[in-house]
PDB file of N, CA and C in Angstrom:
ATOM      1  N   MET A   1     120.155  96.886  73.504  1.00  0.00           N
ATOM      2  CA  MET A   1     119.447  97.464  75.003  1.00  0.00           C
ATOM      3  C   MET A   1     118.866  99.011  75.166  1.00  0.00           C
ATOM      4  N   ILE A   2     119.500  99.559  73.765  1.00  0.00           N
ATOM      5  CA  ILE A   2     118.871 101.204  73.879  1.00  0.00           C
ATOM      6  C   ILE A   2     117.634 100.924  73.086  1.00  0.00           C
ATOM      7  N   GLY A   3     117.711 100.212  71.915  1.00  0.00           N
ATOM      8  CA  GLY A   3     116.281  99.919  71.165  1.00  0.00           C
ATOM      9  C   GLY A   3     115.189  99.028  72.493  1.00  0.00           C
ATOM     10  N   ALA A   4     115.391  98.638  73.203  1.00  0.00           N
ATOM     11  CA  ALA A   4     114.400  97.760  73.685  1.00  0.00           C
ATOM     12  C   ALA A   4     114.248  98.879  74.587  1.00  0.00           C
ATOM     13  N   GLY A   5     115.057  99.633  75.420  1.00  0.00           N
ATOM     14  CA  GLY A   5     114.555 101.118  76.107  1.00  0.00           C
ATOM     15  C   GLY A   5     113.675 101.909  75.581  1.00  0.00           C
ATOM     16  N   LEU A   6     114.044 102.215  74.556  1.00  0.00           N
ATOM     17  CA  LEU A   6     113.115 102.906  73.635  1.00  0.00           C
ATOM     18  C   LEU A   6     112.050 102.745  73.395  1.00  0.00           C
ATOM     19  N   LEU A   7     111.877 101.180  72.840  1.00  0.00           N
ATOM     20  CA  LEU A   7     110.568 100.623  72.777  1.00  0.00           C
ATOM     21  C   LEU A   7     109.407 100.603  73.908  1.00  0.00           C
ATOM     22  N   ASP A   8     110.386 100.385  75.197  1.00  0.00           N
ATOM     23  CA  ASP A   8     109.532 100.515  76.245  1.00  0.00           C
ATOM     24  C   ASP A   8     108.947 101.713  76.740  1.00  0.00           C
ATOM     25  N   GLY A   9     109.530 102.897  76.573  1.00  0.00           N
ATOM     26  CA  GLY A   9     109.492 104.027  76.647  1.00  0.00           C
ATOM     27  C   GLY A   9     108.002 104.637  75.826  1.00  0.00           C
ATOM     28  N   ILE A  10     107.459 103.812  74.937  1.00  0.00           N
ATOM     29  CA  ILE A  10     106.263 103.738  74.179  1.00  0.00           C
ATOM     30  C   ILE A  10     105.163 102.755  74.592  1.00  0.00           C
ATOM     31  N   ASN A  11     105.819 102.200  75.571  1.00  0.00           N
ATOM     32  CA  ASN A  11     104.640 101.045  76.070  1.00  0.00           C
ATOM     33  C   ASN A  11     103.420 101.542  76.812  1.00  0.00           C
ATOM     34  N   PRO A  12     101.937 100.788  76.319  1.00  0.00           N
ATOM     35  CA  PRO A  12     101.099 101.260  77.048  1.00  0.00           C
ATOM     36  C   PRO A  12     100.947 100.857  78.302  1.00  0.00           C
ATOM     37  N   CYS A  13     101.607  99.793  78.782  1.00  0.00           N
ATOM     38  CA  CYS A  13     101.592  99.586  80.268  1.00  0.00           C
ATOM     39  C   CYS A  13     102.314 100.562  81.127  1.00  0.00           C
ATOM     40  N   ALA A  14     103.257 101.016  80.575  1.00  0.00           N
ATOM     41  CA  ALA A  14     104.154 102.574  81.578  1.00  0.00           C
ATOM     42  C   ALA A  14     103.588 103.556  81.222  1.00  0.00           C
ATOM     43  N   PHE A  15     102.657 103.658  80.462  1.00  0.00           N
ATOM     44  CA  PHE A  15     101.915 104.788  80.696  1.00  0.00           C
ATOM     45  C   PHE A  15     100.660 104.931  81.774  1.00  0.00           C
ATOM     46  N   ALA A  16     100.007 103.518  81.807  1.00  0.00           N
ATOM     47  CA  ALA A  16      98.654 103.342  82.666  1.00  0.00           C
ATOM     48  C   ALA A  16      99.603 103.064  83.959  1.00  0.00           C
ATOM     49  N   THR A  17     100.756 103.120  84.111  1.00  0.00           N
ATOM     50  CA  THR A  17     101.163 102.516  85.478  1.00  0.00           C
ATOM     51  C   THR A  17     101.756 103.985  85.696  1.00  0.00           C
ATOM     52  N   MET A  18     102.048 104.701  85.022  1.00  0.00           N
ATOM     53  CA  MET A  18     102.259 106.232  85.216  1.00  0.00           C
ATOM     54  C   MET A  18     101.502 107.275  85.653  1.00  0.00           C
ATOM     55  N   ILE A  19     100.144 106.940  85.005  1.00  0.00           N
ATOM     56  CA  ILE A  19      98.980 107.509  85.620  1.00  0.00           C
ATOM     57  C   ILE A  19      98.388 107.131  86.769  1.00  0.00           C
ATOM     58  N   PHE A  20      98.543 106.004  86.974  1.00  0.00           N
ATOM     59  CA  PHE A  20      98.369 105.287  88.339  1.00  0.00           C
ATOM     60  C   PHE A  20      98.829 106.577  89.288  1.00  0.00           C
ATOM     61  N   LEU A  21     100.251 105.727  89.116  1.00  0.00           N
ATOM     62  CA  LEU A  21     101.361 106.809  90.590  1.00  0.00           C
ATOM     63  C   LEU A  21     100.735 108.224  90.504  1.00  0.00           C
ATOM     64  N   ILE A  22     100.472 108.706  89.492  1.00  0.00           N
ATOM     65  CA  ILE A  22     100.183 110.123  89.426  1.00  0.00           C
ATOM     66  C   ILE A  22      98.760 110.623  90.294  1.00  0.00           C
ATOM     67  N   SER A  23      97.896 109.692  89.760  1.00  0.00           N
ATOM     68  CA  SER A  23      96.555 109.584  90.476  1.00  0.00           C
ATOM     69  C   SER A  23      96.791 109.500  91.719  1.00  0.00           C
ATOM     70  N   TYR A  24      97.416 108.404  92.306  1.00  0.00           N
ATOM     71  CA  TYR A  24      97.320 107.994  93.619  1.00  0.00           C
ATOM     72  C   TYR A  24      98.133 109.131  94.543  1.00  0.00           C
ATOM     73  N   LEU A  25      99.305 109.688  93.820  1.00  0.00           N
ATOM     74  CA  LEU A  25      99.950 110.653  94.520  1.00  0.00           C
ATOM     75  C   LEU A  25      98.834 111.761  94.765  1.00  0.00           C
ATOM     76  N   SER A  26      98.205 111.998  93.671  1.00  0.00           N
ATOM     77  CA  SER A  26      97.222 113.562  93.719  1.00  0.00           C
ATOM     78  C   SER A  26      96.053 113.239  95.083  1.00  0.00           C
ATOM     79  N   VAL A  27      95.675 111.551  94.782  1.00  0.00           N
ATOM     80  CA  VAL A  27      94.416 111.743  95.847  1.00  0.00           C
ATOM     81  C   VAL A  27      94.912 111.401  97.201  1.00  0.00           C
ATOM     82  N   ARG A  28      95.901 111.062  97.402  1.00  0.00           N
ATOM     83  CA  ARG A  28      96.875 110.913  98.887  1.00  0.00           C
ATOM     84  C   ARG A  28      97.185 112.469  99.195  1.00  0.00           C
ATOM     85  N   LYS A  29      97.149 113.577  98.494  1.00  0.00           N
ATOM     86  CA  LYS A  29      97.876 114.621  98.672  1.00  0.00           C
ATOM     87  C   LYS A  29      99.162 114.963  99.017  1.00  0.00           C
ATOM     88  N   ARG A  30     100.089 114.091  98.377  1.00  0.00           N
ATOM     89  CA  ARG A  30     101.564 114.223  98.415  1.00  0.00           C
ATOM     90  C   ARG A  30     101.972 115.795  97.830  1.00  0.00           C
ATOM     91  N   GLN A  31     102.846 115.970  98.598  1.00  0.00           N
ATOM     92  CA  GLN A  31     103.945 117.203  98.418  1.00  0.00           C
ATOM     93  C   GLN A  31     104.868 117.427  99.039  1.00  0.00           C
ATOM     94  N   GLY A  32     105.770 118.159  98.305  1.00  0.00           N
ATOM     95  CA  GLY A  32     107.161 118.030  98.625  1.00  0.00           C
ATOM     96  C   GLY A  32     108.056 116.991  98.564  1.00  0.00           C
ATOM     97  N   ARG A  33     108.832 116.708  99.856  1.00  0.00           N
ATOM     98  CA  ARG A  33     109.836 115.611 100.077  1.00  0.00           C
ATOM     99  C   ARG A  33     109.189 114.128  99.820  1.00  0.00           C
ATOM    100  N   GLU A  34     107.751 113.905 100.243  1.00  0.00           N
ATOM    101  CA  GLU A  34     107.146 112.934 100.322  1.00  0.00           C
ATOM    102  C   GLU A  34     107.000 112.440  98.707  1.00  0.00           C
ATOM    103  N   LEU A  35     106.473 113.632  97.807  1.00  0.00           N
ATOM    104  CA  LEU A  35     106.120 113.282  96.396  1.00  0.00           C
ATOM    105  C   LEU A  35     107.597 112.760  95.807  1.00  0.00           C
ATOM    106  N   LEU A  36     108.736 113.651  95.975  1.00  0.00           N
ATOM    107  CA  LEU A  36     109.982 113.348  95.833  1.00  0.00           C
ATOM    108  C   LEU A  36     110.842 111.740  95.935  1.00  0.00           C
ATOM    109  N   ALA A  37     109.943 111.398  97.197  1.00  0.00           N
ATOM    110  CA  ALA A  37     110.075 110.223  97.782  1.00  0.00           C
ATOM    111  C   ALA A  37     109.550 109.033  97.151  1.00  0.00           C
ATOM    112  N   THR A  38     108.170 109.091  96.999  1.00  0.00           N
ATOM    113  CA  THR A  38     107.433 108.217  96.120  1.00  0.00           C
ATOM    114  C   THR A  38     108.109 108.063  94.782  1.00  0.00           C
ATOM    115  N   GLY A  39     107.782 109.145  94.116  1.00  0.00           N
ATOM    116  CA  GLY A  39     108.430 109.040  92.882  1.00  0.00           C
ATOM    117  C   GLY A  39     109.835 108.558  92.449  1.00  0.00           C
ATOM    118  N   GLY A  40     110.251 108.733  93.595  1.00  0.00           N
ATOM    119  CA  GLY A  40     112.047 108.208  93.414  1.00  0.00           C
ATOM    120  C   GLY A  40     111.844 106.689  93.503  1.00  0.00           C
ATOM    121  N   ALA A  41     111.183 106.375  94.499  1.00  0.00           N
ATOM    122  CA  ALA A  41     111.185 104.932  95.144  1.00  0.00           C
ATOM    123  C   ALA A  41     111.011 103.961  93.722  1.00  0.00           C
ATOM    124  N   PHE A  42     109.738 104.576  93.238  1.00  0.00           N
ATOM    125  CA  PHE A  42     108.946 104.264  92.060  1.00  0.00           C
ATOM    126  C   PHE A  42     109.818 103.632  90.914  1.00  0.00           C
ATOM    127  N   THR A  43     110.713 105.363  90.529  1.00  0.00           N
ATOM    128  CA  THR A  43     111.644 104.853  89.559  1.00  0.00           C
ATOM    129  C   THR A  43     112.744 103.814  90.158  1.00  0.00           C
ATOM    130  N   LEU A  44     113.511 103.980  90.692  1.00  0.00           N
ATOM    131  CA  LEU A  44     114.476 102.893  91.770  1.00  0.00           C
ATOM    132  C   LEU A  44     114.106 101.778  91.078  1.00  0.00           C
ATOM    133  N   GLY A  45     112.560 101.250  91.761  1.00  0.00           N
ATOM    134  CA  GLY A  45     111.948  99.514  91.448  1.00  0.00           C
ATOM    135  C   GLY A  45     111.838  99.443  90.019  1.00  0.00           C
ATOM    136  N   VAL A  46     111.584 100.214  89.096  1.00  0.00           N
ATOM    137  CA  VAL A  46     111.478 100.078  87.612  1.00  0.00           C
ATOM    138  C   VAL A  46     112.910  99.754  87.019  1.00  0.00           C
ATOM    139  N   PHE A  47     113.909 100.906  87.582  1.00  0.00           N
ATOM    140  CA  PHE A  47     115.483 100.742  87.248  1.00  0.00           C
ATOM    141  C   PHE A  47     115.907  99.113  87.810  1.00  0.00           C
ATOM    142  N   LEU A  48     115.794  98.991  88.865  1.00  0.00           N
ATOM    143  CA  LEU A  48     116.508  97.832  89.085  1.00  0.00           C
ATOM    144  C   LEU A  48     116.101  96.225  88.687  1.00  0.00           C
ATOM    145  N   ALA A  49     114.912  96.251  88.436  1.00  0.00           N
ATOM    146  CA  ALA A  49     113.743  95.201  87.999  1.00  0.00           C
ATOM    147  C   ALA A  49     114.584  95.373  86.080  1.00  0.00           C
ATOM    148  N   TYR A  50     114.660  96.314  85.496  1.00  0.00           N
ATOM    149  CA  TYR A  50     114.943  96.423  84.233  1.00  0.00           C
ATOM    150  C   TYR A  50     116.595  95.845  84.251  1.00  0.00           C
ATOM    151  N   LEU A  51     116.938  96.208  85.343  1.00  0.00           N
ATOM    152  CA  LEU A  51     118.517  95.886  85.291  1.00  0.00           C
ATOM    153  C   LEU A  51     118.943  94.358  85.740  1.00  0.00           C
ATOM    154  N   GLY A  52     117.586  94.024  86.540  1.00  0.00           N
ATOM    155  CA  GLY A  52     118.042  92.625  86.831  1.00  0.00           C
ATOM    156  C   GLY A  52     117.523  91.544  85.499  1.00  0.00           C
ATOM    157  N   VAL A  53     116.563  91.840  84.574  1.00  0.00           N
ATOM    158  CA  VAL A  53     116.767  91.456  83.247  1.00  0.00           C
ATOM    159  C   VAL A  53     117.383  91.351  82.581  1.00  0.00           C
ATOM    160  N   GLY A  54     118.012  92.437  82.767  1.00  0.00           N
ATOM    161  CA  GLY A  54     119.247  92.803  81.792  1.00  0.00           C
ATOM    162  C   GLY A  54     120.311  92.206  81.768  1.00  0.00           C
ATOM    163  N   LEU A  55     120.536  92.050  83.095  1.00  0.00           N
ATOM    164  CA  LEU A  55     122.115  91.117  83.498  1.00  0.00           C
ATOM    165  C   LEU A  55     121.481  89.852  83.935  1.00  0.00           C
ATOM    166  N   GLY A  56     120.734  89.214  83.399  1.00  0.00           N
ATOM    167  CA  GLY A  56     120.274  87.685  83.282  1.00  0.00           C
ATOM    168  C   GLY A  56     119.511  87.304  84.836  1.00  0.00           C
ATOM    169  N   PHE A  57     119.480  88.035  85.718  1.00  0.00           N
ATOM    170  CA  PHE A  57     119.118  87.946  87.003  1.00  0.00           C
ATOM    171  C   PHE A  57     117.451  86.736  86.983  1.00  0.00           C
ATOM    172  N   LEU A  58     116.558  87.140  85.621  1.00  0.00           N
ATOM    173  CA  LEU A  58     115.571  86.472  85.715  1.00  0.00           C
ATOM    174  C   LEU A  58     115.727  84.901  85.342  1.00  0.00           C
ATOM    175  N   LYS A  59     116.926  85.145  84.491  1.00  0.00           N
ATOM    176  CA  LYS A  59     117.189  83.381  83.854  1.00  0.00           C
ATOM    177  C   LYS A  59     117.887  82.621  85.108  1.00  0.00           C
ATOM    178  N   PHE A  60     118.725  83.437  85.933  1.00  0.00           N
ATOM    179  CA  PHE A  60     119.125  82.636  86.880  1.00  0.00           C
ATOM    180  C   PHE A  60     117.921  82.190  88.317  1.00  0.00           C
ATOM    181  N   LEU A  61     116.804  83.123  88.472  1.00  0.00           N
ATOM    182  CA  LEU A  61     115.845  82.651  89.409  1.00  0.00           C
ATOM    183  C   LEU A  61     115.102  81.680  88.836  1.00  0.00           C
ATOM    184  N   THR A  62     114.856  81.528  87.585  1.00  0.00           N
ATOM    185  CA  THR A  62     114.182  80.555  86.522  1.00  0.00           C
ATOM    186  C   THR A  62     114.765  79.201  86.537  1.00  0.00           C
ATOM    187  N   SER A  63     116.065  79.327  87.065  1.00  0.00           N
ATOM    188  CA  SER A  63     116.870  77.809  87.108  1.00  0.00           C
ATOM    189  C   SER A  63     116.755  77.282  88.614  1.00  0.00           C
ATOM    190  N   LEU A  64     116.509  78.081  89.258  1.00  0.00           N
ATOM    191  CA  LEU A  64     115.854  77.366  90.701  1.00  0.00           C
ATOM    192  C   LEU A  64     114.795  76.866  90.823  1.00  0.00           C
ATOM    193  N   ALA A  65     115.243  74.920  91.291  1.00  0.00           N
ATOM    194  CA  ALA A  65     114.226  74.189  91.279  1.00  0.00           C
ATOM    195  C   ALA A  65     113.137  74.592  92.329  1.00  0.00           C
ATOM    196  N   ILE A  66     113.567  75.338  93.429  1.00  0.00           N
ATOM    197  CA  ILE A  66     112.311  75.795  94.455  1.00  0.00           C
ATOM    198  C   ILE A  66     111.627  76.398  93.545  1.00  0.00           C
ATOM    199  N   LEU A  67     111.687  77.562  92.850  1.00  0.00           N
ATOM    200  CA  LEU A  67     111.065  78.248  92.553  1.00  0.00           C
ATOM    201  C   LEU A  67     109.392  77.505  91.405  1.00  0.00           C
ATOM    202  N   ASP A  68     109.822  76.504  91.143  1.00  0.00           N
ATOM    203  CA  ASP A  68     108.663  75.833  90.454  1.00  0.00           C
ATOM    204  C   ASP A  68     107.688  75.394  91.882  1.00  0.00           C
ATOM    205  N   VAL A  69     108.243  74.709  92.440  1.00  0.00           N
ATOM    206  CA  VAL A  69     107.353  74.130  93.659  1.00  0.00           C
ATOM    207  C   VAL A  69     106.537  75.520  94.362  1.00  0.00           C
ATOM    208  N   VAL A  70     107.317  76.854  94.680  1.00  0.00           N
ATOM    209  CA  VAL A  70     106.576  78.064  94.825  1.00  0.00           C
ATOM    210  C   VAL A  70     105.830  78.855  93.787  1.00  0.00           C
ATOM    211  N   GLY A  71     106.059  78.565  92.975  1.00  0.00           N
ATOM    212  CA  GLY A  71     104.998  78.668  91.743  1.00  0.00           C
ATOM    213  C   GLY A  71     103.472  78.519  91.484  1.00  0.00           C
ATOM    214  N   LYS A  72     103.929  76.874  91.709  1.00  0.00           N
ATOM    215  CA  LYS A  72     102.477  76.254  91.774  1.00  0.00           C
ATOM    216  C   LYS A  72     101.808  76.664  92.955  1.00  0.00           C
ATOM    217  N   TRP A  73     102.427  76.695  94.128  1.00  0.00           N
ATOM    218  CA  TRP A  73     101.455  76.887  95.510  1.00  0.00           C
ATOM    219  C   TRP A  73     100.813  78.541  95.081  1.00  0.00           C
ATOM    220  N   ILE A  74     101.754  79.602  94.548  1.00  0.00           N
ATOM    221  CA  ILE A  74     101.226  80.357  94.379  1.00  0.00           C
ATOM    222  C   ILE A  74      99.749  80.519  93.135  1.00  0.00           C
ATOM    223  N   TYR A  75     100.045  79.634  92.273  1.00  0.00           N
ATOM    224  CA  TYR A  75      98.840  79.827  91.261  1.00  0.00           C
ATOM    225  C   TYR A  75      97.752  79.105  92.137  1.00  0.00           C
ATOM    226  N   ALA A  76      97.727  78.117  92.926  1.00  0.00           N
ATOM    227  CA  ALA A  76      97.025  77.367  93.587  1.00  0.00           C
ATOM    228  C   ALA A  76      96.079  78.514  94.374  1.00  0.00           C
ATOM    229  N   LEU A  77      96.847  79.186  95.087  1.00  0.00           N
ATOM    230  CA  LEU A  77      96.644  80.344  96.097  1.00  0.00           C
ATOM    231  C   LEU A  77      95.488  81.338  95.365  1.00  0.00           C
ATOM    232  N   THR A  78      96.074  81.717  94.150  1.00  0.00           N
ATOM    233  CA  THR A  78      95.438  82.922  93.211  1.00  0.00           C
ATOM    234  C   THR A  78      94.389  82.074  92.779  1.00  0.00           C
ATOM    235  N   LEU A  79      94.018  80.898  92.522  1.00  0.00           N
ATOM    236  CA  LEU A  79      93.112  80.116  91.715  1.00  0.00           C
ATOM    237  C   LEU A  79      91.908  80.567  93.233  1.00  0.00           C
ATOM    238  N   VAL A  80      92.415  79.817  94.397  1.00  0.00           N
ATOM    239  CA  VAL A  80      91.247  79.934  95.434  1.00  0.00           C
ATOM    240  C   VAL A  80      90.297  81.803  95.818  1.00  0.00           C
ATOM    241  N   LEU A  81      91.584  82.393  95.831  1.00  0.00           N
ATOM    242  CA  LEU A  81      91.529  83.989  95.671  1.00  0.00           C
ATOM    243  C   LEU A  81      90.332  84.431  94.647  1.00  0.00           C
ATOM    244  N   CYS A  82      90.773  83.938  93.229  1.00  0.00           N
ATOM    245  CA  CYS A  82      89.847  84.454  92.141  1.00  0.00           C
ATOM    246  C   CYS A  82      88.377  83.387  92.204  1.00  0.00           C
ATOM    247  N   LEU A  83      88.523  82.429  92.899  1.00  0.00           N
ATOM    248  CA  LEU A  83      87.310  81.968  93.078  1.00  0.00           C
ATOM    249  C   LEU A  83      86.201  82.469  93.992  1.00  0.00           C
ATOM    250  N   ALA A  84      86.759  82.899  95.091  1.00  0.00           N
ATOM    251  CA  ALA A  84      86.176  83.518  96.181  1.00  0.00           C
ATOM    252  C   ALA A  84      85.573  84.902  95.622  1.00  0.00           C
ATOM    253  N   LEU A  85      86.552  85.750  95.283  1.00  0.00           N
ATOM    254  CA  LEU A  85      85.915  86.959  94.547  1.00  0.00           C
ATOM    255  C   LEU A  85      85.022  86.987  93.478  1.00  0.00           C
ATOM    256  N   ALA A  86      84.792  85.700  92.751  1.00  0.00           N
ATOM    257  CA  ALA A  86      83.854  85.677  91.540  1.00  0.00           C
ATOM    258  C   ALA A  86      82.780  85.392  92.455  1.00  0.00           C
ATOM    259  N   TRP A  87      82.603  84.316  93.413  1.00  0.00           N
ATOM    260  CA  TRP A  87      81.290  84.256  94.119  1.00  0.00           C
ATOM    261  C   TRP A  87      80.831  85.267  94.957  1.00  0.00           C
ATOM    262  N   GLY A  88      81.834  86.062  95.531  1.00  0.00           N
ATOM    263  CA  GLY A  88      81.441  87.111  95.903  1.00  0.00           C
ATOM    264  C   GLY A  88      80.823  87.885  94.969  1.00  0.00           C
ATOM    265  N   SER A  89      81.188  88.517  93.828  1.00  0.00           N
ATOM    266  CA  SER A  89      80.389  89.207  93.035  1.00  0.00           C
ATOM    267  C   SER A  89      79.198  88.976  92.364  1.00  0.00           C
ATOM    268  N   LEU A  90      79.190  87.263  91.938  1.00  0.00           N
ATOM    269  CA  LEU A  90      77.990  86.815  91.674  1.00  0.00           C
ATOM    270  C   LEU A  90      76.796  87.226  92.815  1.00  0.00           C
ATOM    271  N   SER A  91      77.250  87.035  94.048  1.00  0.00           N
ATOM    272  CA  SER A  91      76.621  87.345  95.117  1.00  0.00           C
ATOM    273  C   SER A  91      75.625  88.622  95.353  1.00  0.00           C
ATOM    274  N   ASP A  92      76.844  89.627  95.240  1.00  0.00           N
ATOM    275  CA  ASP A  92      76.500  91.164  95.250  1.00  0.00           C
ATOM    276  C   ASP A  92      75.482  91.147  93.860  1.00  0.00           C
ATOM    277  N   PHE A  93      75.595  90.943  92.783  1.00  0.00           N
ATOM    278  CA  PHE A  93      75.053  91.135  91.695  1.00  0.00           C
ATOM    279  C   PHE A  93      73.614  90.841  91.974  1.00  0.00           C
ATOM    280  N   ARG A  94      73.377  89.506  92.377  1.00  0.00           N
ATOM    281  CA  ARG A  94      71.835  89.159  93.103  1.00  0.00           C
ATOM    282  C   ARG A  94      71.431  89.930  93.881  1.00  0.00           C
ATOM    283  N   LYS A  95      72.380  90.471  95.180  1.00  0.00           N
ATOM    284  CA  LYS A  95      71.741  91.408  95.772  1.00  0.00           C
ATOM    285  C   LYS A  95      71.239  92.859  95.203  1.00  0.00           C
ATOM    286  N   ALA A  96      72.547  93.492  94.296  1.00  0.00           N
ATOM    287  CA  ALA A  96      72.253  94.758  93.462  1.00  0.00           C
ATOM    288  C   ALA A  96      70.845  94.536  92.781  1.00  0.00           C
ATOM    289  N   ARG A  97      70.264  93.096  92.224  1.00  0.00           N
ATOM    290  CA  ARG A  97      69.171  92.989  91.555  1.00  0.00           C
ATOM    291  C   ARG A  97      68.512  93.061  91.868  1.00  0.00           C
ATOM    292  N   ALA A  98      68.358  92.852  93.521  1.00  0.00           N
ATOM    293  CA  ALA A  98      67.185  92.450  94.613  1.00  0.00           C
ATOM    294  C   ALA A  98      67.051  93.795  95.151  1.00  0.00           C
ATOM    295  N   GLY A  99      67.885  94.861  95.151  1.00  0.00           N
ATOM    296  CA  GLY A  99      67.756  96.057  95.419  1.00  0.00           C
ATOM    297  C   GLY A  99      68.262  96.488  96.861  1.00  0.00           C
ATOM    298  N   ARG A 100      69.060  95.234  97.391  1.00  0.00           N
ATOM    299  CA  ARG A 100      69.670  95.368  98.720  1.00  0.00           C
ATOM    300  C   ARG A 100      71.148  95.736  98.605  1.00  0.00           C
ATOM    301  N   LEU A 101      71.193  97.325  98.322  1.00  0.00           N
ATOM    302  CA  LEU A 101      72.575  97.354  98.072  1.00  0.00           C
ATOM    303  C   LEU A 101      73.656  97.408  99.443  1.00  0.00           C
ATOM    304  N   GLU A 102      72.915  97.887 100.216  1.00  0.00           N
ATOM    305  CA  GLU A 102      73.685  98.060 101.664  1.00  0.00           C
ATOM    306  C   GLU A 102      74.125  96.536 101.921  1.00  0.00           C
ATOM    307  N   ASP A 103      73.675  95.421 101.308  1.00  0.00           N
ATOM    308  CA  ASP A 103      74.149  94.178 101.768  1.00  0.00           C
ATOM    309  C   ASP A 103      75.216  93.627 100.938  1.00  0.00           C
ATOM    310  N   MET A 104      75.400  94.347 100.132  1.00  0.00           N
ATOM    311  CA  MET A 104      76.672  93.826  99.420  1.00  0.00           C
ATOM    312  C   MET A 104      77.807  93.827 100.163  1.00  0.00           C
ATOM    313  N   SER A 105      78.557  92.666  99.999  1.00  0.00           N
ATOM    314  CA  SER A 105      80.006  92.451 100.758  1.00  0.00           C
ATOM    315  C   SER A 105      81.103  93.173  99.723  1.00  0.00           C
ATOM    316  N   LEU A 106      81.205  92.766  98.803  1.00  0.00           N
ATOM    317  CA  LEU A 106      82.432  93.516  98.093  1.00  0.00           C
ATOM    318  C   LEU A 106      82.404  95.008  97.888  1.00  0.00           C
ATOM    319  N   LYS A 107      82.611  95.964  98.836  1.00  0.00           N
ATOM    320  CA  LYS A 107      82.486  97.389  98.229  1.00  0.00           C
ATOM    321  C   LYS A 107      83.684  98.245  99.563  1.00  0.00           C
ATOM    322  N   LEU A 108      83.629  99.007  99.012  1.00  0.00           N
ATOM    323  CA  LEU A 108      84.394 100.206 100.209  1.00  0.00           C
ATOM    324  C   LEU A 108      84.083 100.530 101.225  1.00  0.00           C
ATOM    325  N   PRO A 109      84.780 100.444 102.159  1.00  0.00           N
ATOM    326  CA  PRO A 109      84.152 100.503 103.761  1.00  0.00           C
ATOM    327  C   PRO A 109      83.522 102.224 103.764  1.00  0.00           C
ATOM    328  N   SER A 110      82.425 102.542 104.468  1.00  0.00           N
ATOM    329  CA  SER A 110      82.002 103.859 104.562  1.00  0.00           C
ATOM    330  C   SER A 110      82.927 104.569 104.743  1.00  0.00           C
ATOM    331  N   ALA A 111      83.744 104.522 105.524  1.00  0.00           N
ATOM    332  CA  ALA A 111      84.947 105.731 105.849  1.00  0.00           C
ATOM    333  C   ALA A 111      85.948 105.938 104.569  1.00  0.00           C
ATOM    334  N   CYS A 112      86.001 105.111 103.811  1.00  0.00           N
ATOM    335  CA  CYS A 112      86.744 105.488 102.762  1.00  0.00           C
ATOM    336  C   CYS A 112      85.668 106.147 101.697  1.00  0.00           C
ATOM    337  N   VAL A 113      84.451 105.882 101.387  1.00  0.00           N
ATOM    338  CA  VAL A 113      83.445 106.417 100.418  1.00  0.00           C
ATOM    339  C   VAL A 113      83.542 107.829 100.972  1.00  0.00           C
ATOM    340  N   ALA A 114      83.316 108.033 102.232  1.00  0.00           N
ATOM    341  CA  ALA A 114      83.054 109.390 102.946  1.00  0.00           C
ATOM    342  C   ALA A 114      84.205 110.332 102.419  1.00  0.00           C
ATOM    343  N   GLY A 115      85.355 109.987 102.602  1.00  0.00           N
ATOM    344  CA  GLY A 115      87.093 110.839 102.217  1.00  0.00           C
ATOM    345  C   GLY A 115      86.786 111.043 100.923  1.00  0.00           C
ATOM    346  N   PHE A 116      86.282 110.251 100.079  1.00  0.00           N
ATOM    347  CA  PHE A 116      86.110 110.830  98.200  1.00  0.00           C
ATOM    348  C   PHE A 116      84.918 111.323  98.134  1.00  0.00           C
ATOM    349  N   ALA A 117      83.978 111.984  98.912  1.00  0.00           N
ATOM    350  CA  ALA A 117      82.716 112.652  98.601  1.00  0.00           C
ATOM    351  C   ALA A 117      83.256 113.879  98.015  1.00  0.00           C
ATOM    352  N   ILE A 118      82.333 114.106  96.864  1.00  0.00           N
ATOM    353  CA  ILE A 118      82.758 115.247  96.407  1.00  0.00           C
ATOM    354  C   ILE A 118      80.967 116.289  96.378  1.00  0.00           C
TER     355      ILE A 118
END
């Protein structure tokens, strides 16, 4: 367990997740108690996930028959979502090539873009 924990400490995915968390907190301008609460919730979530895996909770969950059915529905919904986003991306590509950037559908709302203007 200690070895697995040490190996996970140098996991590139963990670094990317931490960078995302820090950048999210800085963009949202969190300070003081909010910063500690968000960081604490993230840390607690990671701890509980690893504790559950370590205690065999994941093995218990995979033994439930209902999860197989739910998993197939989730995969089907994910497939539909990915196909819709792929169609939207191709449509936006065609619009961008034609120079109609304002007609693109997969973009941030103008209120969000204005908030990040430099």
